[in-house]
Structures are given as C-alpha cells and as structure tokens.
Amino acid sequence: MHNLFGNHITDKAIALLILFVLLMMGYLVLTNFYVEGLSQIENEISINRKKSGKVDAILSKEKFYQDKINQIRKEYSKNRIFLESRQPTSASSEIQNTVKRLINTNTRAKILTIKTFPVIQHEGYSEVSVEIRMKDINHSEIQKMLYQIESQLPLIIVNELDVIRTQLQYKALVSKSGDQNDLNITLVVSGYFKDESS
C-alpha cells in the first residue's frame, strides 16, 4: 500500500516535470518565434529608414539643384531682356547697329534716315526707341526682317511699321520686272536698358 502510494506520487512528480518541460519548450519556441518576428520587423524598419533617408537626401539635393537652375534661368532671362548698354546714347547705338545689321543681312533695302526718340523712364529701367526709314524692300523681305528683329536677345520690339508703295514710271517698272513690290517703309523699334543706378 505504501509502495503504491509512493509510486503514485513519483508518477505525479514525473508528469508535472514533463509538463513543465513541455511548457518551457513551448514558451521558448514561442519566444524565439516572437523574437525572430520582432527582429525581422526591426530589420525591415531599419532598411526602410535607410531607404527613406536616401530618398530624402535625393529629394533634398534635387530641390537644391532645381532651385539653382531656376535661379540661373531667371537671372539669364532677366539679363538677356535688357540691352547691354546702361546709357541712353549707347543703348540707342546698340539698337541701331543691331537693326541695321539685320536689315543689311536679310534685305536689299537702302536705309534713308535714322532718328532717335527721347528716352522713356520706367520704374527700374528705361526705354529707348529708334525710327528707321528705308526704301527698295519687298513684302517677303519685310516679313523676314521683322522675324529676325523680334527674335533677338536682348529684346527688341517693333512698335510701328508704315508701308508706302514706291511710285515707278512704266519704263522703270518694265525694266525692273523683279522689283514691282519694292516699298518704302518707316520702322520704329524699341529696346530696354537698366540704368547705371539699378
């Protein structure tokens, strides 16, 4: 009877011990699985942080360089609008020389007179205008000349264009059959310059 009771207690102890070991093993397995999961999540977070850091760095540099490019473009565009000259007389000469060169390059016209208008003051800049009268120019040459003038940088604007057909005698008209469209024109152009104080 005593041996049976003793065996019963021993069996119970062994069963409890086995249960404890199983519970510990289960705990260790679950803990290990949980720790590995946390480690993996932490690793992914770390990788994403690094990627995010790289993206932020790239975006930051991109914004920096884009701002620089925009600033350079703005400065270039602003400076190219205005004539290089900063005095009324030299600004007028700059326009005259540019327009005369374009007339001589793109037309057969003969320049008759050149007149300069008084400078108009604006806030931060000034406007200078020049009138050029010429003869012996046809329609296609006028179109080509106007395109070349208004495509220029620094900016030159055509403000006025008056066209007068040349009066030719019949014999002259026949002998110059290719020049029936010769015209006299008056051209007024303007440019802008920064004052020396600007």
C-alpha atoms as a PDB file:
ATOM      1  CA  MET A   1       0.000   0.000   0.000  1.00  0.00           C
ATOM      2  CA  HIS A   2       2.815   2.364   0.934  1.00  0.00           C
ATOM      3  CA  ASN A   3       4.735   1.441  -2.213  1.00  0.00           C
ATOM      4  CA  LEU A   4       1.674   2.023  -4.344  1.00  0.00           C
ATOM      5  CA  PHE A   5       1.181   5.490  -2.806  1.00  0.00           C
ATOM      6  CA  GLY A   6       4.835   6.257  -3.282  1.00  0.00           C
ATOM      7  CA  ASN A   7       4.738   5.222  -6.882  1.00  0.00           C
ATOM      8  CA  HIS A   8       1.667   7.364  -7.401  1.00  0.00           C
ATOM      9  CA  ILE A   9       3.467  10.460  -6.039  1.00  0.00           C
ATOM     10  CA  THR A  10       6.522   9.721  -8.169  1.00  0.00           C
ATOM     11  CA  ASP A  11       4.386   9.355 -11.270  1.00  0.00           C
ATOM     12  CA  LYS A  12       2.674  12.630 -10.481  1.00  0.00           C
ATOM     13  CA  ALA A  13       6.006  14.382  -9.996  1.00  0.00           C
ATOM     14  CA  ILE A  14       7.350  12.991 -13.255  1.00  0.00           C
ATOM     15  CA  ALA A  15       4.166  14.020 -15.060  1.00  0.00           C
ATOM     16  CA  LEU A  16       4.420  17.541 -13.627  1.00  0.00           C
ATOM     17  CA  LEU A  17       8.080  17.671 -14.551  1.00  0.00           C
ATOM     18  CA  ILE A  18       7.331  16.556 -18.099  1.00  0.00           C
ATOM     19  CA  LEU A  19       4.500  19.116 -18.298  1.00  0.00           C
ATOM     20  CA  PHE A  20       6.805  21.837 -17.001  1.00  0.00           C
ATOM     21  CA  VAL A  21       9.471  20.886 -19.548  1.00  0.00           C
ATOM     22  CA  LEU A  22       6.887  20.898 -22.335  1.00  0.00           C
ATOM     23  CA  LEU A  23       5.584  24.277 -21.210  1.00  0.00           C
ATOM     24  CA  MET A  24       9.118  25.660 -21.084  1.00  0.00           C
ATOM     25  CA  MET A  25       9.866  24.297 -24.527  1.00  0.00           C
ATOM     26  CA  GLY A  26       6.643  25.775 -25.842  1.00  0.00           C
ATOM     27  CA  TYR A  27       7.464  29.076 -24.184  1.00  0.00           C
ATOM     28  CA  LEU A  28      10.970  29.052 -25.667  1.00  0.00           C
ATOM     29  CA  VAL A  29       9.627  28.198 -29.125  1.00  0.00           C
ATOM     30  CA  LEU A  30       7.003  30.943 -28.949  1.00  0.00           C
ATOM     31  CA  THR A  31       9.510  33.422 -27.510  1.00  0.00           C
ATOM     32  CA  ASN A  32      12.036  32.548 -30.199  1.00  0.00           C
ATOM     33  CA  PHE A  33       9.365  32.912 -32.902  1.00  0.00           C
ATOM     34  CA  TYR A  34       8.243  36.217 -31.418  1.00  0.00           C
ATOM     35  CA  VAL A  35      11.824  37.496 -31.059  1.00  0.00           C
ATOM     36  CA  GLU A  36      12.640  36.459 -34.619  1.00  0.00           C
ATOM     37  CA  GLY A  37       9.497  38.238 -35.823  1.00  0.00           C
ATOM     38  CA  LEU A  38      10.414  41.361 -33.912  1.00  0.00           C
ATOM     39  CA  SER A  39      13.964  41.172 -35.223  1.00  0.00           C
ATOM     40  CA  GLN A  40      12.715  40.844 -38.778  1.00  0.00           C
ATOM     41  CA  ILE A  41      10.317  43.764 -38.339  1.00  0.00           C
ATOM     42  CA  GLU A  42      13.081  45.844 -36.775  1.00  0.00           C
ATOM     43  CA  ASN A  43      15.394  44.949 -39.654  1.00  0.00           C
ATOM     44  CA  GLU A  44      12.757  45.952 -42.211  1.00  0.00           C
ATOM     45  CA  ILE A  45      12.168  49.217 -40.362  1.00  0.00           C
ATOM     46  CA  SER A  46      15.901  49.886 -40.383  1.00  0.00           C
ATOM     47  CA  ILE A  47      16.119  49.151 -44.132  1.00  0.00           C
ATOM     48  CA  ASN A  48      13.123  51.374 -44.837  1.00  0.00           C
ATOM     49  CA  ARG A  49      14.624  54.149 -42.729  1.00  0.00           C
ATOM     50  CA  LYS A  50      17.835  53.925 -44.740  1.00  0.00           C
ATOM     51  CA  LYS A  51      15.871  53.960 -47.988  1.00  0.00           C
ATOM     52  CA  SER A  52      13.770  56.843 -46.716  1.00  0.00           C
ATOM     53  CA  GLY A  53      16.919  58.678 -45.710  1.00  0.00           C
ATOM     54  CA  LYS A  54      18.381  58.168 -49.170  1.00  0.00           C
ATOM     55  CA  VAL A  55      15.150  59.313 -50.822  1.00  0.00           C
ATOM     56  CA  ASP A  56      15.020  62.392 -48.576  1.00  0.00           C
ATOM     57  CA  ALA A  57      18.664  63.135 -49.395  1.00  0.00           C
ATOM     58  CA  ILE A  58      17.989  62.736 -53.125  1.00  0.00           C
ATOM     59  CA  LEU A  59      14.859  64.890 -52.947  1.00  0.00           C
ATOM     60  CA  SER A  60      16.715  67.479 -50.915  1.00  0.00           C
ATOM     61  CA  LYS A  61      19.558  67.592 -53.449  1.00  0.00           C
ATOM     62  CA  GLU A  62      17.100  67.619 -56.338  1.00  0.00           C
ATOM     63  CA  LYS A  63      15.263  70.589 -54.835  1.00  0.00           C
ATOM     64  CA  PHE A  64      18.581  72.343 -54.193  1.00  0.00           C
ATOM     65  CA  TYR A  65      19.774  71.870 -57.780  1.00  0.00           C
ATOM     66  CA  GLN A  66      16.358  72.702 -59.221  1.00  0.00           C
ATOM     67  CA  ASP A  67      16.293  75.944 -57.243  1.00  0.00           C
ATOM     68  CA  LYS A  68      19.792  76.729 -58.527  1.00  0.00           C
ATOM     69  CA  ILE A  69      18.771  76.004 -62.126  1.00  0.00           C
ATOM     70  CA  ASN A  70      15.643  78.156 -61.782  1.00  0.00           C
ATOM     71  CA  GLN A  71      17.691  80.965 -60.266  1.00  0.00           C
ATOM     72  CA  ILE A  72      20.242  80.809 -63.096  1.00  0.00           C
ATOM     73  CA  ARG A  73      17.471  80.713 -65.705  1.00  0.00           C
ATOM     74  CA  LYS A  74      15.728  83.652 -64.073  1.00  0.00           C
ATOM     75  CA  GLU A  75      18.930  85.702 -63.923  1.00  0.00           C
ATOM     76  CA  TYR A  76      19.844  84.791 -67.508  1.00  0.00           C
ATOM     77  CA  SER A  77      16.372  85.574 -68.810  1.00  0.00           C
ATOM     78  CA  LYS A  78      16.212  88.850 -66.884  1.00  0.00           C
ATOM     79  CA  ASN A  79      19.630  89.955 -68.047  1.00  0.00           C
ATOM     80  CA  ARG A  80      19.018  88.963 -71.673  1.00  0.00           C
ATOM     81  CA  ILE A  81      15.853  91.044 -71.893  1.00  0.00           C
ATOM     82  CA  PHE A  82      17.795  94.256 -71.345  1.00  0.00           C
ATOM     83  CA  LEU A  83      20.376  95.829 -73.616  1.00  0.00           C
ATOM     84  CA  GLU A  84      23.972  95.623 -72.504  1.00  0.00           C
ATOM     85  CA  SER A  85      24.278  99.409 -72.557  1.00  0.00           C
ATOM     86  CA  ARG A  86      23.347 101.432 -69.476  1.00  0.00           C
ATOM     87  CA  GLN A  87      23.373 104.894 -71.037  1.00  0.00           C
ATOM     88  CA  PRO A  88      20.702 106.325 -73.395  1.00  0.00           C
ATOM     89  CA  THR A  89      23.195 107.193 -76.153  1.00  0.00           C
ATOM     90  CA  SER A  90      24.968 103.822 -76.139  1.00  0.00           C
ATOM     91  CA  ALA A  91      21.635 101.962 -75.835  1.00  0.00           C
ATOM     92  CA  SER A  92      20.326 103.801 -78.882  1.00  0.00           C
ATOM     93  CA  SER A  93      23.520 102.956 -80.795  1.00  0.00           C
ATOM     94  CA  GLU A  94      23.202  99.308 -79.771  1.00  0.00           C
ATOM     95  CA  ILE A  95      19.665  99.106 -81.205  1.00  0.00           C
ATOM     96  CA  GLN A  96      20.651 100.952 -84.371  1.00  0.00           C
ATOM     97  CA  ASN A  97      23.643  98.695 -85.024  1.00  0.00           C
ATOM     98  CA  THR A  98      21.623  95.524 -84.423  1.00  0.00           C
ATOM     99  CA  VAL A  99      18.711  96.560 -86.644  1.00  0.00           C
ATOM    100  CA  LYS A 100      20.990  97.881 -89.429  1.00  0.00           C
ATOM    101  CA  ARG A 101      22.877  94.578 -89.419  1.00  0.00           C
ATOM    102  CA  LEU A 102      19.613  92.628 -89.706  1.00  0.00           C
ATOM    103  CA  ILE A 103      18.348  94.884 -92.499  1.00  0.00           C
ATOM    104  CA  ASN A 104      21.578  94.508 -94.478  1.00  0.00           C
ATOM    105  CA  THR A 105      21.689  90.752 -93.904  1.00  0.00           C
ATOM    106  CA  ASN A 106      18.071  89.946 -94.771  1.00  0.00           C
ATOM    107  CA  THR A 107      17.018  92.584 -97.324  1.00  0.00           C
ATOM    108  CA  ARG A 108      18.181  94.670-100.291  1.00  0.00           C
ATOM    109  CA  ALA A 109      16.794  97.811 -98.648  1.00  0.00           C
ATOM    110  CA  LYS A 110      18.650 101.104 -98.563  1.00  0.00           C
ATOM    111  CA  ILE A 111      18.466 102.974 -95.255  1.00  0.00           C
ATOM    112  CA  LEU A 112      17.439 106.612 -95.759  1.00  0.00           C
ATOM    113  CA  THR A 113      17.285 108.114 -92.260  1.00  0.00           C
ATOM    114  CA  ILE A 114      17.623 107.114 -88.624  1.00  0.00           C
ATOM    115  CA  LYS A 115      16.022 109.124 -85.822  1.00  0.00           C
ATOM    116  CA  THR A 116      16.236 108.585 -82.064  1.00  0.00           C
ATOM    117  CA  PHE A 117      13.315 109.380 -79.755  1.00  0.00           C
ATOM    118  CA  PRO A 118      13.632 110.716 -76.205  1.00  0.00           C
ATOM    119  CA  VAL A 119      14.188 108.064 -73.560  1.00  0.00           C
ATOM    120  CA  ILE A 120      11.117 106.993 -71.573  1.00  0.00           C
ATOM    121  CA  GLN A 121      11.762 106.283 -67.893  1.00  0.00           C
ATOM    122  CA  HIS A 122      10.077 103.310 -66.228  1.00  0.00           C
ATOM    123  CA  GLU A 123      10.452 102.022 -62.701  1.00  0.00           C
ATOM    124  CA  GLY A 124      13.814 100.240 -62.615  1.00  0.00           C
ATOM    125  CA  TYR A 125      14.553 100.502 -66.342  1.00  0.00           C
ATOM    126  CA  SER A 126      14.377 102.839 -69.347  1.00  0.00           C
ATOM    127  CA  GLU A 127      13.010 102.519 -72.880  1.00  0.00           C
ATOM    128  CA  VAL A 128      14.778 103.828 -75.954  1.00  0.00           C
ATOM    129  CA  SER A 129      13.163 103.956 -79.402  1.00  0.00           C
ATOM    130  CA  VAL A 130      14.591 104.426 -82.884  1.00  0.00           C
ATOM    131  CA  GLU A 131      12.891 105.251 -86.200  1.00  0.00           C
ATOM    132  CA  ILE A 132      14.464 103.891 -89.393  1.00  0.00           C
ATOM    133  CA  ARG A 133      13.251 104.846 -92.864  1.00  0.00           C
ATOM    134  CA  MET A 134      14.282 102.682 -95.808  1.00  0.00           C
ATOM    135  CA  LYS A 135      13.413 102.021 -99.449  1.00  0.00           C
ATOM    136  CA  ASP A 136      13.553  99.202-102.011  1.00  0.00           C
ATOM    137  CA  ILE A 137      12.256  96.399 -99.839  1.00  0.00           C
ATOM    138  CA  ASN A 138       9.574  93.851-100.769  1.00  0.00           C
ATOM    139  CA  HIS A 139       6.948  92.021 -98.716  1.00  0.00           C
ATOM    140  CA  SER A 140       8.904  88.805 -98.169  1.00  0.00           C
ATOM    141  CA  GLU A 141      11.959  90.772 -97.062  1.00  0.00           C
ATOM    142  CA  ILE A 142       9.830  92.755 -94.603  1.00  0.00           C
ATOM    143  CA  GLN A 143       8.488  89.542 -93.075  1.00  0.00           C
ATOM    144  CA  LYS A 144      11.961  88.038 -92.781  1.00  0.00           C
ATOM    145  CA  MET A 145      13.400  91.234 -91.296  1.00  0.00           C
ATOM    146  CA  LEU A 146      10.599  91.587 -88.717  1.00  0.00           C
ATOM    147  CA  TYR A 147      11.011  87.971 -87.648  1.00  0.00           C
ATOM    148  CA  GLN A 148      14.766  88.411 -87.220  1.00  0.00           C
ATOM    149  CA  ILE A 149      14.356  91.640 -85.243  1.00  0.00           C
ATOM    150  CA  GLU A 150      11.782  90.258 -82.813  1.00  0.00           C
ATOM    151  CA  SER A 151      13.724  87.011 -82.350  1.00  0.00           C
ATOM    152  CA  GLN A 152      16.679  88.935 -80.978  1.00  0.00           C
ATOM    153  CA  LEU A 153      18.061  88.833 -77.463  1.00  0.00           C
ATOM    154  CA  PRO A 154      18.442  91.348 -75.920  1.00  0.00           C
ATOM    155  CA  LEU A 155      14.807  92.080 -76.669  1.00  0.00           C
ATOM    156  CA  ILE A 156      13.939  94.496 -79.490  1.00  0.00           C
ATOM    157  CA  ILE A 157      10.261  95.226 -80.130  1.00  0.00           C
ATOM    158  CA  VAL A 158       8.733  96.540 -83.358  1.00  0.00           C
ATOM    159  CA  ASN A 159       6.322  99.271 -82.279  1.00  0.00           C
ATOM    160  CA  GLU A 160       5.332 100.680 -85.647  1.00  0.00           C
ATOM    161  CA  LEU A 161       5.564  99.808 -89.328  1.00  0.00           C
ATOM    162  CA  ASP A 162       4.346 102.187 -92.061  1.00  0.00           C
ATOM    163  CA  VAL A 163       4.468 100.913 -95.641  1.00  0.00           C
ATOM    164  CA  ILE A 164       4.368 103.096 -98.782  1.00  0.00           C
ATOM    165  CA  ARG A 165       4.455 101.583-102.279  1.00  0.00           C
ATOM    166  CA  THR A 166       7.172 103.084-104.461  1.00  0.00           C
ATOM    167  CA  GLN A 167       5.851 105.093-107.398  1.00  0.00           C
ATOM    168  CA  LEU A 168       7.648 103.925-110.554  1.00  0.00           C
ATOM    169  CA  GLN A 169       7.358 105.099-114.138  1.00  0.00           C
ATOM    170  CA  TYR A 170       6.133 102.497-116.624  1.00  0.00           C
ATOM    171  CA  LYS A 171       9.536 102.027-118.286  1.00  0.00           C
ATOM    172  CA  ALA A 172      11.270 101.630-114.977  1.00  0.00           C
ATOM    173  CA  LEU A 173       8.613  99.135-113.884  1.00  0.00           C
ATOM    174  CA  VAL A 174       9.081  97.054-117.033  1.00  0.00           C
ATOM    175  CA  SER A 175      12.871  97.137-116.853  1.00  0.00           C
ATOM    176  CA  LYS A 176      12.795  96.070-113.194  1.00  0.00           C
ATOM    177  CA  SER A 177      10.228  93.305-113.537  1.00  0.00           C
ATOM    178  CA  GLY A 178      11.525  91.532-110.427  1.00  0.00           C
ATOM    179  CA  ASP A 179      11.110  94.614-108.244  1.00  0.00           C
ATOM    180  CA  GLN A 180       7.435  95.508-108.666  1.00  0.00           C
ATOM    181  CA  ASN A 181       6.896  95.033-104.959  1.00  0.00           C
ATOM    182  CA  ASP A 182       9.592  97.471-103.847  1.00  0.00           C
ATOM    183  CA  LEU A 183       8.307  99.523-100.950  1.00  0.00           C
ATOM    184  CA  ASN A 184       9.328 102.413 -98.738  1.00  0.00           C
ATOM    185  CA  ILE A 185       8.855 101.698 -95.047  1.00  0.00           C
ATOM    186  CA  THR A 186       9.200 103.502 -91.746  1.00  0.00           C
ATOM    187  CA  LEU A 187      10.106 101.207 -88.868  1.00  0.00           C
ATOM    188  CA  VAL A 188      10.009 102.156 -85.175  1.00  0.00           C
ATOM    189  CA  VAL A 189      11.728  99.766 -82.767  1.00  0.00           C
ATOM    190  CA  SER A 190      12.288  99.882 -79.014  1.00  0.00           C
ATOM    191  CA  GLY A 191      14.655  98.297 -76.520  1.00  0.00           C
ATOM    192  CA  TYR A 192      15.089  98.412 -72.772  1.00  0.00           C
ATOM    193  CA  PHE A 193      18.130  99.078 -70.647  1.00  0.00           C
ATOM    194  CA  LYS A 194      18.940  99.146 -66.951  1.00  0.00           C
ATOM    195  CA  ASP A 195      20.081 102.480 -65.600  1.00  0.00           C
ATOM    196  CA  GLU A 196      23.544 102.587 -64.025  1.00  0.00           C
ATOM    197  CA  SER A 197      21.905 103.100 -60.625  1.00  0.00           C
ATOM    198  CA  SER A 198      19.836  99.866 -60.980  1.00  0.00           C
END
